[in-house]
């Protein structure tokens, strides 16, 4: 990879490495380190080796907090336990009773060992809500208004069972319906390990859902269903008193006010700065398509690249580009690449 380097003024590209603790992940990290002028690590993940992942994050200059909430079948002075290894990988600053709040002597499944020891490990937040209230709250956060239709218990269970039998991917399963019917709350006066044992201050439901909505995974065009739709719009500006860089900065900082209302309305998610930055989540209101959330994945070379998020009718990408194709001409261009997210959306869009 000799001669590889970033163009002067170009920001290093963000790289997310999956399986970072394996041999391929280690090789990828080594390549990124050798070409730090061109690449930067923005995300790491691992399957099982939490201690190795914590160590990698620390080497990337991140502050790491580790926790093994319940450990069983070990003596308090065991130096080879998962919790000890995690603590060391995280920097060894936290006390063991913070890293591992509950240690149970019997080598059994945590909930069995806890029950035999008379230790509470039930966890719950302080708020009690219904599924309808949850959907209504999520609707306000995502600015979408789904139609809610009451479904009898028998019909709901029959439908989900049929989906499972046919091997169809459905977001609700029979055991989840049972949990909703039985209720998933602690009895009055019962100890809550979240606060009583782990000392965790719960995040309010509305705040947590807002963060969840902002962290939804991307849905790329390749993950959609049906034909790929390509659209391209552009405007050539002659005799502008602004440079291409200045026009791009105006687009980046004022997109919400520049977008024509009949074609698209741009809303910024709560807690997101109005100027578009990498990682920011925005809501686009498009006629006949409703509200679609997008995330800014990259800003480079006077180009903004956004992709749609899961849970919306479209899987796609949109790019805003400012360039100077000829002296005295500035071109502002919008390109989109979209597919229906799934078969239901494909039929509904027709």
Protein backbone atom coordinates (compact mmCIF):
# COMPACT_ATOMS: atom_id res chain seq x y z
CA UNK A 1 0.00 0.00 0.00
CA UNK A 2 2.87 2.33 -0.75
CA UNK A 3 1.94 5.82 -1.79
CA UNK A 4 -1.42 5.70 0.00
CA UNK A 5 -2.34 8.98 1.64
CA UNK A 6 -5.11 11.49 2.04
CA UNK A 7 -5.61 14.33 -0.39
CA UNK A 8 -4.55 17.60 1.28
CA UNK A 9 -7.51 18.94 3.26
CA UNK A 10 -9.44 15.66 3.09
CA UNK A 11 -10.70 14.23 6.38
CA UNK A 12 -9.68 10.63 7.20
CA UNK A 13 -12.44 8.15 6.41
CA UNK A 14 -14.21 6.50 9.35
CA UNK A 15 -13.82 2.73 9.62
CA UNK A 16 -15.92 0.33 11.76
CA UNK A 17 -14.24 -3.03 12.37
CA UNK A 18 -16.45 -6.02 13.21
CA UNK A 19 -14.81 -8.95 14.95
CA UNK A 20 -12.02 -6.65 16.09
CA UNK A 21 -10.54 -9.17 18.55
CA UNK A 22 -9.92 -11.84 15.89
CA UNK A 23 -6.93 -12.22 13.60
CA UNK A 24 -8.58 -10.41 10.68
CA UNK A 25 -9.69 -7.59 12.97
CA UNK A 26 -6.17 -7.26 14.35
CA UNK A 27 -4.78 -7.06 10.81
CA UNK A 28 -7.33 -4.40 9.87
CA UNK A 29 -6.41 -2.34 12.94
CA UNK A 30 -2.74 -2.59 12.01
CA UNK A 31 -3.48 -1.27 8.50
CA UNK A 32 -5.52 1.62 9.91
CA UNK A 33 -2.67 2.48 12.30
CA UNK A 34 -0.18 2.53 9.42
CA UNK A 35 -2.38 4.89 7.41
CA UNK A 36 -3.82 7.12 10.11
CA UNK A 37 -3.72 10.08 7.70
CA UNK A 38 -6.36 8.33 5.59
CA UNK A 39 -8.40 6.22 8.01
CA UNK A 40 -9.71 6.54 11.57
CA UNK A 41 -11.47 3.97 13.76
CA UNK A 42 -15.04 4.97 14.63
CA UNK A 43 -16.36 1.63 15.90
CA UNK A 44 -15.21 -1.76 17.17
CA UNK A 45 -17.22 -4.89 17.96
CA UNK A 46 -16.52 -8.40 19.21
CA UNK A 47 -18.57 -11.56 19.62
CA UNK A 48 -17.53 -12.96 23.02
CA UNK A 49 -14.15 -11.64 24.14
CA UNK A 50 -15.24 -8.60 26.14
CA UNK A 51 -11.86 -8.26 27.90
CA UNK A 52 -9.97 -8.12 24.60
CA UNK A 53 -12.46 -5.55 23.26
CA UNK A 54 -12.01 -3.39 26.36
CA UNK A 55 -8.22 -3.53 25.93
CA UNK A 56 -8.55 -2.52 22.26
CA UNK A 57 -10.74 0.43 23.16
CA UNK A 58 -8.22 1.62 25.73
CA UNK A 59 -5.46 1.43 23.13
CA UNK A 60 -7.63 3.63 20.94
CA UNK A 61 -7.58 6.21 23.72
CA UNK A 62 -11.13 5.55 24.95
CA UNK A 63 -12.29 5.51 28.54
CA UNK A 64 -13.74 2.08 29.23
CA UNK A 65 -16.20 0.93 31.86
CA UNK A 66 -16.60 -2.83 32.38
CA UNK A 67 -19.06 -4.90 34.37
CA UNK A 68 -19.82 -8.55 35.10
CA UNK A 69 -23.07 -8.11 37.06
CA UNK A 70 -23.30 -11.69 38.41
CA UNK A 71 -20.60 -14.35 38.64
CA UNK A 72 -21.09 -17.85 40.05
CA UNK A 73 -19.00 -20.78 41.28
CA UNK A 74 -15.90 -18.78 42.32
CA UNK A 75 -14.12 -17.80 45.49
CA UNK A 76 -13.77 -14.05 46.21
CA UNK A 77 -9.97 -14.25 45.83
CA UNK A 78 -9.98 -16.08 42.47
CA UNK A 79 -7.57 -14.17 40.23
CA UNK A 80 -8.57 -15.87 36.95
CA UNK A 81 -12.26 -15.03 36.92
CA UNK A 82 -13.97 -13.19 34.07
CA UNK A 83 -14.58 -10.18 36.29
CA UNK A 84 -10.90 -9.91 37.25
CA UNK A 85 -9.81 -10.13 33.62
CA UNK A 86 -12.39 -7.54 32.64
CA UNK A 87 -11.24 -5.19 35.39
CA UNK A 88 -7.63 -5.46 34.25
CA UNK A 89 -8.57 -4.90 30.61
CA UNK A 90 -10.57 -1.83 31.59
CA UNK A 91 -7.60 -0.26 33.36
CA UNK A 92 -8.10 -1.68 36.86
CA UNK A 93 -9.42 1.57 38.32
CA UNK A 94 -12.81 0.36 39.57
CA UNK A 95 -13.21 -1.69 42.74
CA UNK A 96 -14.21 -5.33 42.31
CA UNK A 97 -17.58 -4.80 44.00
CA UNK A 98 -18.34 -2.25 41.27
CA UNK A 99 -17.17 -4.47 38.41
CA UNK A 100 -18.84 -7.55 39.96
CA UNK A 101 -21.63 -6.54 42.36
CA UNK A 102 -22.87 -10.11 42.92
CA UNK A 103 -20.66 -13.18 43.54
CA UNK A 104 -22.47 -16.46 44.26
CA UNK A 105 -20.60 -19.56 45.49
CA UNK A 106 -22.57 -22.33 43.74
CA UNK A 107 -21.54 -23.14 40.13
CA UNK A 108 -25.07 -22.84 38.77
CA UNK A 109 -26.90 -20.65 36.29
CA UNK A 110 -26.99 -17.12 37.82
CA UNK A 111 -30.75 -17.00 38.42
CA UNK A 112 -30.74 -20.46 40.05
CA UNK A 113 -27.72 -19.67 42.22
CA UNK A 114 -29.26 -16.33 43.21
CA UNK A 115 -32.57 -17.93 44.16
CA UNK A 116 -30.81 -20.59 46.30
CA UNK A 117 -28.73 -17.90 47.98
CA UNK A 118 -31.73 -15.64 48.58
CA UNK A 119 -30.16 -12.85 46.52
CA UNK A 120 -32.30 -10.56 44.37
CA UNK A 121 -31.19 -10.12 40.78
CA UNK A 122 -34.51 -8.91 39.36
CA UNK A 123 -34.03 -5.74 37.34
CA UNK A 124 -36.63 -3.14 36.39
CA UNK A 125 -36.91 0.53 35.62
CA UNK A 126 -39.01 2.86 37.79
CA UNK A 127 -41.67 3.54 35.13
CA UNK A 128 -44.63 1.27 34.37
CA UNK A 129 -46.18 1.64 30.93
CA UNK A 130 -48.38 -0.18 28.45
CA UNK A 131 -47.56 -1.18 24.89
CA UNK A 132 -49.96 1.46 23.57
CA UNK A 133 -48.26 4.18 25.64
CA UNK A 134 -44.88 2.93 24.44
CA UNK A 135 -45.94 3.15 20.78
CA UNK A 136 -47.39 6.61 21.32
CA UNK A 137 -44.15 7.81 22.91
CA UNK A 138 -42.07 6.34 20.08
CA UNK A 139 -44.38 7.97 17.56
CA UNK A 140 -43.72 11.39 19.06
CA UNK A 141 -39.97 10.78 19.02
CA UNK A 142 -39.81 9.57 15.41
CA UNK A 143 -42.55 11.95 14.16
CA UNK A 144 -44.52 9.03 12.70
CA UNK A 145 -48.16 8.17 13.33
CA UNK A 146 -48.82 4.45 12.80
CA UNK A 147 -52.36 3.15 12.75
CA UNK A 148 -53.03 1.10 15.88
CA UNK A 149 -55.64 -1.66 15.62
CA UNK A 150 -56.64 -3.74 18.69
CA UNK A 151 -55.98 -7.44 18.06
CA UNK A 152 -57.60 -10.17 20.22
CA UNK A 153 -55.20 -12.41 22.14
CA UNK A 154 -56.25 -15.56 20.28
CA UNK A 155 -55.79 -13.95 16.85
CA UNK A 156 -52.42 -12.46 17.82
CA UNK A 157 -51.04 -15.78 19.06
CA UNK A 158 -52.44 -17.69 16.07
CA UNK A 159 -50.88 -15.21 13.66
CA UNK A 160 -47.44 -15.22 15.26
CA UNK A 161 -47.48 -19.01 15.51
CA UNK A 162 -48.30 -19.24 11.80
CA UNK A 163 -45.45 -16.87 10.98
CA UNK A 164 -43.00 -18.96 13.00
CA UNK A 165 -44.24 -22.20 11.42
CA UNK A 166 -43.73 -20.75 7.92
CA UNK A 167 -40.27 -19.51 8.88
CA UNK A 168 -41.19 -15.87 8.24
CA UNK A 169 -39.33 -13.16 10.11
CA UNK A 170 -41.85 -11.32 12.28
CA UNK A 171 -40.94 -8.79 14.99
CA UNK A 172 -43.33 -10.27 17.59
CA UNK A 173 -43.23 -13.83 18.93
CA UNK A 174 -45.61 -15.85 21.08
CA UNK A 175 -43.45 -15.63 24.20
CA UNK A 176 -43.43 -11.83 23.92
CA UNK A 177 -47.23 -11.77 23.72
CA UNK A 178 -47.36 -13.95 26.83
CA UNK A 179 -45.00 -11.57 28.63
CA UNK A 180 -47.23 -8.61 27.74
CA UNK A 181 -50.34 -10.40 29.00
CA UNK A 182 -48.70 -11.47 32.28
CA UNK A 183 -47.06 -8.12 32.91
CA UNK A 184 -43.35 -7.57 33.31
CA UNK A 185 -43.14 -5.60 36.57
CA UNK A 186 -41.78 -6.25 40.04
CA UNK A 187 -44.31 -6.86 42.82
CA UNK A 188 -44.87 -3.92 45.18
CA UNK A 189 -42.09 -3.77 47.77
CA UNK A 190 -39.87 -6.29 45.95
CA UNK A 191 -36.12 -5.44 45.84
CA UNK A 192 -34.82 -4.06 42.56
CA UNK A 193 -31.26 -5.17 41.91
CA UNK A 194 -30.77 -2.39 39.38
CA UNK A 195 -30.79 0.22 42.14
CA UNK A 196 -30.35 -1.81 45.35
CA UNK A 197 -27.46 -4.05 44.22
CA UNK A 198 -25.84 -2.45 41.19
CA UNK A 199 -26.42 1.15 42.27
CA UNK A 200 -27.51 2.18 38.76
CA UNK A 201 -29.65 5.27 38.24
CA UNK A 202 -32.18 4.29 35.54
CA UNK A 203 -32.48 6.42 32.42
CA UNK A 204 -36.00 7.85 31.97
CA UNK A 205 -37.97 5.94 29.33
CA UNK A 206 -38.44 8.92 27.00
CA UNK A 207 -34.75 9.79 27.10
CA UNK A 208 -33.71 6.18 26.53
CA UNK A 209 -36.05 5.75 23.56
CA UNK A 210 -34.74 8.96 22.01
CA UNK A 211 -31.21 7.58 22.20
CA UNK A 212 -32.41 4.25 20.82
CA UNK A 213 -34.12 5.93 17.86
CA UNK A 214 -30.96 7.90 17.19
CA UNK A 215 -28.87 4.71 17.26
CA UNK A 216 -30.94 2.57 14.88
CA UNK A 217 -28.77 0.64 12.41
CA UNK A 218 -28.53 1.79 8.82
CA UNK A 219 -30.56 0.19 6.02
CA UNK A 220 -28.47 0.26 2.83
CA UNK A 221 -29.92 0.03 -0.71
CA UNK A 222 -28.46 -3.49 -1.05
CA UNK A 223 -30.64 -4.62 1.88
CA UNK A 224 -33.92 -3.51 0.28
CA UNK A 225 -36.46 -5.33 -1.91
CA UNK A 226 -37.36 -4.77 -5.54
CA UNK A 227 -35.72 -2.60 -8.19
CA UNK A 228 -33.27 0.16 -7.34
CA UNK A 229 -34.57 3.67 -8.05
CA UNK A 230 -31.98 6.28 -9.00
CA UNK A 231 -32.85 9.95 -9.00
CA UNK A 232 -30.64 12.93 -9.81
CA UNK A 233 -31.40 16.63 -9.48
CA UNK A 234 -29.01 19.49 -10.00
CA UNK A 235 -28.81 23.22 -10.45
CA UNK A 236 -25.98 25.11 -12.18
CA UNK A 237 -25.33 28.52 -10.66
CA UNK A 238 -23.56 31.07 -12.84
CA UNK A 239 -21.92 34.25 -11.64
CA UNK A 240 -22.21 33.36 -7.94
CA UNK A 241 -20.48 35.64 -5.46
CA UNK A 242 -19.81 32.55 -3.34
CA UNK A 243 -17.19 29.88 -3.90
CA UNK A 244 -18.07 26.19 -4.12
CA UNK A 245 -16.73 25.72 -0.57
CA UNK A 246 -18.95 28.53 0.73
CA UNK A 247 -22.04 27.12 -1.02
CA UNK A 248 -21.33 23.69 0.47
CA UNK A 249 -20.98 25.15 3.97
CA UNK A 250 -24.32 26.92 3.52
CA UNK A 251 -25.92 23.60 2.51
CA UNK A 252 -24.36 21.84 5.51
CA UNK A 253 -25.49 24.43 8.02
CA UNK A 254 -28.85 25.50 6.54
CA UNK A 255 -30.25 22.43 4.76
CA UNK A 256 -33.48 22.54 6.78
CA UNK A 257 -34.29 26.05 5.48
CA UNK A 258 -33.00 25.47 1.94
CA UNK A 259 -35.04 22.35 1.15
CA UNK A 260 -38.24 23.23 -0.80
CA UNK A 261 -41.30 22.32 1.27
CA UNK A 262 -43.27 20.73 -1.61
CA UNK A 263 -40.42 18.24 -2.20
CA UNK A 264 -38.92 17.63 1.24
CA UNK A 265 -39.00 18.94 4.78
CA UNK A 266 -35.95 18.43 6.96
CA UNK A 267 -36.26 18.04 10.72
CA UNK A 268 -33.40 17.53 13.14
CA UNK A 269 -33.74 14.95 15.91
CA UNK A 270 -33.84 16.28 19.48
CA UNK A 271 -30.33 16.69 20.85
CA UNK A 272 -28.76 16.95 17.39
CA UNK A 273 -27.06 20.16 16.33
CA UNK A 274 -28.67 21.97 13.39
CA UNK A 275 -25.50 22.02 11.23
CA UNK A 276 -25.15 18.58 9.69
CA UNK A 277 -22.27 16.61 11.21
CA UNK A 278 -21.11 13.05 10.71
CA UNK A 279 -23.27 10.76 12.83
CA UNK A 280 -26.20 13.20 13.05
CA UNK A 281 -29.71 11.80 12.57
CA UNK A 282 -32.32 13.78 10.64
CA UNK A 283 -35.94 13.19 9.70
CA UNK A 284 -36.98 13.83 6.10
CA UNK A 285 -40.66 14.33 5.33
CA UNK A 286 -41.24 13.32 1.70
CA UNK A 287 -44.64 13.50 -0.07
CA UNK A 288 -46.28 10.07 -0.53
CA UNK A 289 -43.43 8.46 1.48
CA UNK A 290 -44.01 9.94 4.94
CA UNK A 291 -41.23 10.45 7.48
CA UNK A 292 -37.88 8.79 6.80
CA UNK A 293 -34.94 8.95 9.18
CA UNK A 294 -31.44 9.24 7.76
CA UNK A 295 -27.98 9.33 9.30
CA UNK A 296 -25.05 11.36 7.99
CA UNK A 297 -22.30 8.82 7.33
CA UNK A 298 -19.65 11.00 5.73
CA UNK A 299 -18.78 14.60 4.95
CA UNK A 300 -15.82 14.90 2.58
CA UNK A 301 -14.81 16.76 -0.57
CA UNK A 302 -17.91 19.00 -0.49
CA UNK A 303 -20.16 15.93 -0.39
CA UNK A 304 -22.63 14.84 2.29
CA UNK A 305 -23.61 11.15 2.23
CA UNK A 306 -26.63 9.96 4.21
CA UNK A 307 -28.27 6.53 4.54
CA UNK A 308 -31.70 5.53 5.75
CA UNK A 309 -32.29 3.77 9.08
CA UNK A 310 -34.10 0.52 9.78
CA UNK A 311 -37.81 0.61 10.50
CA UNK A 312 -38.75 2.87 7.61
CA UNK A 313 -40.34 2.11 4.22
CA UNK A 314 -37.20 2.87 2.22
CA UNK A 315 -33.67 1.47 2.25
CA UNK A 316 -31.34 3.83 0.49
CA UNK A 317 -28.73 6.53 0.33
CA UNK A 318 -28.80 10.21 -0.57
CA UNK A 319 -25.89 12.47 -1.48
CA UNK A 320 -25.64 16.26 -1.55
CA UNK A 321 -22.72 17.45 -3.67
CA UNK A 322 -21.30 20.87 -4.55
CA UNK A 323 -18.70 21.14 -7.30
CA UNK A 324 -17.36 23.51 -9.95
CA UNK A 325 -17.68 21.64 -13.30
CA UNK A 326 -16.44 24.65 -15.28
CA UNK A 327 -14.98 28.08 -14.44
CA UNK A 328 -17.69 30.43 -13.16
CA UNK A 329 -20.26 27.62 -12.69
CA UNK A 330 -21.16 26.04 -9.34
CA UNK A 331 -23.30 22.90 -9.43
CA UNK A 332 -25.45 21.76 -6.52
CA UNK A 333 -26.53 18.17 -7.04
CA UNK A 334 -28.74 15.71 -5.15
CA UNK A 335 -28.60 12.00 -5.93
CA UNK A 336 -30.68 9.28 -4.29
CA UNK A 337 -30.63 5.49 -4.51
CA UNK A 338 -33.59 3.73 -2.89
CA UNK A 339 -35.40 0.41 -2.64
CA UNK A 340 -38.45 -0.62 -0.66
CA UNK A 341 -37.35 -1.96 2.73
CA UNK A 342 -39.33 -5.20 2.48
CA UNK A 343 -42.11 -6.94 0.57
CA UNK A 344 -44.85 -5.18 2.55
CA UNK A 345 -43.38 -1.77 1.77
CA UNK A 346 -42.85 -2.79 -1.85
CA UNK A 347 -46.57 -3.60 -2.24
CA UNK A 348 -47.62 -0.52 -0.27
CA UNK A 349 -45.54 1.83 -2.42
CA UNK A 350 -47.20 0.72 -5.65
